[in-house]
Amino acid sequence: MAARNVLRIEDGALIVVPRGLDRVWSFRRRVVVPLASIAEVRVEPRPHRVPRGWRGPGLDTFVKLSGTFHPRGERHYWNYSGSGEALSIRLDGSQHFNQLYLSVDDAAEARRLLSEAVASMRAR
């Protein structure tokens, strides 16, 4: 699965930049989350089975989820394409979104790197 997002860690924050037309479909040029607000990072093996609630704004097709979804009174950001794993990032509730689901080249490696950055930031 092709990465639909570029992930960067700068100045104590995770910066998610959607690629190509995903910026249009998700109504986001980027999502910035302080590392201190990340509660959990994991790999979601079956993202299409995750309850999404109602969509708005964004795109929801069989193979593409891009934008804001509202399950159970929460606000989730999705930028996911395909049928593989997604990187799932749970936030602590102090941010605009409660959860992020992202297509990346290697979800396990992205989880490891992001978890290390969060742990390093908390150890300071």
Protein backbone atom coordinates (compact mmCIF):
# COMPACT_ATOMS: atom_id res chain seq x y z
CA MET A 1 0.00 0.00 0.00
CA ALA A 2 1.34 3.41 -0.89
CA ALA A 3 1.84 5.95 1.85
CA ARG A 4 -0.90 8.56 1.68
CA ASN A 5 0.74 10.61 4.43
CA VAL A 6 4.14 12.02 5.23
CA LEU A 7 4.95 11.90 8.96
CA ARG A 8 7.49 14.25 10.52
CA ILE A 9 8.50 14.93 14.10
CA GLU A 10 9.56 18.53 14.65
CA ASP A 11 9.75 20.73 17.74
CA GLY A 12 8.01 18.21 19.99
CA ALA A 13 5.10 17.61 17.62
CA LEU A 14 3.95 15.02 15.11
CA ILE A 15 3.13 16.61 11.77
CA VAL A 16 0.95 14.60 9.38
CA VAL A 17 0.92 15.89 5.80
CA PRO A 18 -1.57 14.24 3.42
CA ARG A 19 -0.17 13.63 -0.07
CA GLY A 20 -1.65 14.70 -3.37
CA LEU A 21 -5.41 14.95 -3.70
CA ASP A 22 -5.82 13.59 -0.17
CA ARG A 23 -5.36 17.18 0.98
CA VAL A 24 -8.52 18.09 -0.92
CA TRP A 25 -10.57 15.03 0.07
CA SER A 26 -9.66 15.27 3.76
CA PHE A 27 -10.03 19.07 3.91
CA ARG A 28 -6.62 19.22 5.65
CA ARG A 29 -3.23 20.44 4.53
CA ARG A 30 -1.72 18.98 7.67
CA VAL A 31 -2.51 17.80 11.18
CA VAL A 32 -0.19 18.87 14.00
CA VAL A 33 -0.28 17.01 17.32
CA PRO A 34 2.05 17.65 20.28
CA LEU A 35 3.89 14.45 21.23
CA ALA A 36 2.70 15.02 24.82
CA SER A 37 -0.92 14.53 23.62
CA ILE A 38 -0.30 11.08 22.14
CA ALA A 39 -1.78 8.47 24.46
CA GLU A 40 -1.27 5.33 22.35
CA VAL A 41 0.23 4.31 19.01
CA ARG A 42 -0.64 0.98 17.46
CA VAL A 43 -1.11 -0.84 14.18
CA GLU A 44 -4.75 -1.39 13.21
CA PRO A 45 -4.78 -4.65 11.20
CA ARG A 46 -8.35 -4.28 9.88
CA PRO A 47 -9.17 -0.58 9.62
CA HIS A 48 -12.27 -1.20 7.49
CA ARG A 49 -13.86 -2.91 10.51
CA VAL A 50 -13.37 0.09 12.81
CA PRO A 51 -16.66 1.95 13.49
CA ARG A 52 -16.48 5.33 11.78
CA GLY A 53 -19.80 6.96 12.61
CA TRP A 54 -20.96 9.75 10.36
CA ARG A 55 -18.64 11.50 7.92
CA GLY A 56 -18.18 15.19 7.63
CA PRO A 57 -16.35 16.66 5.95
CA GLY A 58 -14.52 14.10 3.87
CA LEU A 59 -14.64 11.19 1.46
CA ASP A 60 -15.87 7.64 2.15
CA THR A 61 -15.60 5.10 -0.65
CA PHE A 62 -14.97 1.37 -0.52
CA VAL A 63 -11.18 1.77 -0.65
CA LYS A 64 -10.68 5.38 0.50
CA LEU A 65 -11.43 7.03 3.83
CA SER A 66 -10.28 10.60 4.02
CA GLY A 67 -11.47 13.35 6.34
CA THR A 68 -13.28 13.70 9.65
CA PHE A 69 -15.51 10.94 11.01
CA HIS A 70 -17.62 11.06 14.17
CA PRO A 71 -18.06 7.72 15.96
CA ARG A 72 -19.56 7.62 19.48
CA GLY A 73 -19.39 11.38 19.96
CA GLU A 74 -15.69 11.57 19.12
CA ARG A 75 -13.85 13.17 16.21
CA HIS A 76 -11.45 10.96 14.22
CA TYR A 77 -9.20 11.91 11.33
CA TRP A 78 -8.80 9.30 8.61
CA ASN A 79 -6.48 9.34 5.62
CA TYR A 80 -6.43 5.71 4.62
CA SER A 81 -6.46 3.91 1.26
CA GLY A 82 -6.40 0.26 0.32
CA SER A 83 -6.85 -2.93 2.27
CA GLY A 84 -3.75 -3.16 4.46
CA GLU A 85 -2.88 -2.02 7.95
CA ALA A 86 -3.25 1.51 9.24
CA LEU A 87 -1.27 3.43 11.80
CA SER A 88 -3.63 4.26 14.67
CA ILE A 89 -2.80 7.14 17.01
CA ARG A 90 -4.99 7.73 20.08
CA LEU A 91 -4.85 11.25 21.52
CA ASP A 92 -5.49 12.31 25.11
CA GLY A 93 -8.62 14.41 24.47
CA SER A 94 -6.95 17.81 24.59
CA GLN A 95 -6.69 18.04 20.80
CA HIS A 96 -9.15 18.66 17.95
CA PHE A 97 -9.16 14.93 17.09
CA ASN A 98 -9.46 11.95 19.44
CA GLN A 99 -7.91 9.45 17.01
CA LEU A 100 -5.92 9.38 13.76
CA TYR A 101 -5.94 6.51 11.23
CA LEU A 102 -3.26 6.81 8.57
CA SER A 103 -1.92 4.94 5.55
CA VAL A 104 1.86 4.74 5.75
CA ASP A 105 4.44 2.59 3.95
CA ASP A 106 5.25 0.47 7.02
CA ALA A 107 2.78 0.83 9.89
CA ALA A 108 4.87 -1.27 12.32
CA GLU A 109 8.01 0.80 11.70
CA ALA A 110 6.08 4.08 11.95
CA ARG A 111 4.57 2.86 15.25
CA ARG A 112 8.01 2.01 16.60
CA LEU A 113 9.55 5.36 15.62
CA LEU A 114 6.63 7.40 16.93
CA SER A 115 6.49 5.41 20.19
CA GLU A 116 10.21 6.02 20.70
CA ALA A 117 9.78 9.75 20.10
CA VAL A 118 6.90 9.93 22.60
CA ALA A 119 8.87 7.94 25.21
CA SER A 120 11.93 10.14 24.70
CA MET A 121 9.86 13.31 25.07
CA ARG A 122 8.27 12.02 28.31
CA ALA A 123 11.66 11.02 29.74
CA ARG A 124 12.84 14.64 29.66
